Protein backbone atom coordinates (compact mmCIF):
# COMPACT_ATOMS: atom_id res chain seq x y z
CA MET A 1 -0.12 0.04 0.04
CA THR A 2 1.56 3.33 -0.95
CA LYS A 3 0.99 6.45 1.20
CA HIS A 4 -0.25 9.70 -0.41
CA THR A 5 2.16 12.71 -0.01
CA LYS A 6 -0.01 15.17 -1.32
CA PRO A 7 -2.84 16.36 0.63
CA ILE A 8 -6.42 15.96 -0.39
CA THR A 9 -8.31 19.55 -0.83
CA ASP A 10 -11.79 19.93 0.33
CA ASP A 11 -12.92 20.26 -3.26
CA ALA A 12 -11.52 17.00 -4.23
CA LEU A 13 -13.00 15.29 -0.94
CA ASN A 14 -16.66 16.87 -1.40
CA GLU A 15 -16.42 15.59 -5.17
CA LEU A 16 -15.56 12.05 -4.09
CA LEU A 17 -18.17 11.94 -1.46
CA THR A 18 -20.80 13.07 -3.95
CA ASN A 19 -20.12 10.31 -6.31
CA ILE A 20 -20.16 7.61 -3.83
CA GLU A 21 -23.55 5.84 -3.65
CA THR A 22 -24.39 4.29 -0.37
CA PRO A 23 -26.71 1.22 0.06
CA PRO A 24 -29.98 1.91 1.54
CA VAL A 25 -30.51 1.33 5.18
CA PRO A 26 -33.22 -1.32 5.96
CA GLU A 27 -36.19 -0.35 7.78
CA TYR A 28 -35.92 -0.29 11.62
CA PHE A 29 -32.40 -1.27 11.30
CA SER A 30 -31.55 0.79 14.66
CA HIS A 31 -34.54 -0.57 16.44
CA ASN A 32 -33.40 -4.01 15.52
CA VAL A 33 -29.90 -3.46 16.82
CA MET A 34 -31.08 -1.90 19.94
CA GLN A 35 -33.16 -5.16 20.65
CA ALA A 36 -30.21 -7.39 19.83
CA ILE A 37 -27.99 -5.34 22.31
CA GLU A 38 -30.75 -5.72 25.00
CA ALA A 39 -31.11 -9.28 24.35
CA LEU A 40 -27.26 -9.81 25.56
CA PRO A 41 -26.83 -11.08 28.97
CA SER A 42 -26.34 -8.54 31.72
CA GLU A 43 -22.83 -7.74 33.19
CA ASP A 44 -23.57 -9.44 36.33
CA ILE A 45 -23.89 -12.93 34.96
CA VAL A 46 -20.77 -12.43 32.53
CA THR A 47 -18.32 -10.81 34.88
CA LYS A 48 -19.13 -12.90 38.09
CA PRO A 49 -15.74 -15.09 38.94
CA SER A 50 -16.20 -18.44 39.93
CA TRP A 51 -14.06 -20.38 42.35
CA TRP A 52 -11.93 -22.00 39.75
CA GLN A 53 -10.82 -18.46 38.40
CA TRP A 54 -9.64 -17.40 41.89
CA LEU A 55 -7.73 -20.46 42.05
CA ALA A 56 -6.11 -20.21 38.61
CA LEU A 57 -5.35 -16.70 39.54
CA ILE A 58 -3.66 -17.62 43.02
CA GLY A 59 -2.01 -20.70 41.43
CA GLY A 60 -0.27 -18.29 38.73
CA GLY A 61 0.36 -16.00 41.27
CA VAL A 62 2.38 -17.86 43.48
CA PRO A 63 5.16 -19.08 41.18
CA ALA A 64 5.39 -15.31 39.88
CA ILE A 65 6.09 -13.96 43.47
CA MET A 66 8.75 -16.92 43.95
CA GLN A 67 10.50 -15.84 40.82
CA LEU A 68 10.24 -12.22 41.97
CA ALA A 69 11.68 -13.30 45.45
CA THR A 70 14.32 -15.39 43.75
CA PHE A 71 15.59 -12.59 41.60
CA VAL A 72 15.67 -10.11 44.67
CA PHE A 73 17.56 -12.52 46.92
CA SER A 74 20.22 -13.61 44.19
CA ALA A 75 20.89 -9.97 43.34
CA TRP A 76 21.11 -9.47 47.39
CA HIS A 77 23.40 -12.42 47.47
CA ILE A 78 25.73 -11.26 44.45
CA ALA A 79 26.09 -7.88 46.12
CA SER A 80 27.22 -8.96 49.51
CA VAL A 81 29.48 -11.54 48.14
CA GLY A 82 31.58 -8.60 46.67
């Protein structure tokens, strides 16, 4: 894809936009979209964490804390040795 180095003028942009034919919007389109959005499950149902999610979080957090502690203590050990 090449980039245009020459800026498009307002007249050229207006001419381009007047030559574009947009497809017709179906009847009651926004109403149908809003009905589909309202039919989605509420946030309470979607975001309620289960016990296994907490277990996975803790199970991943413990090794991460251990790695961080290992790094800190190894740096402290190297610094104290000389």
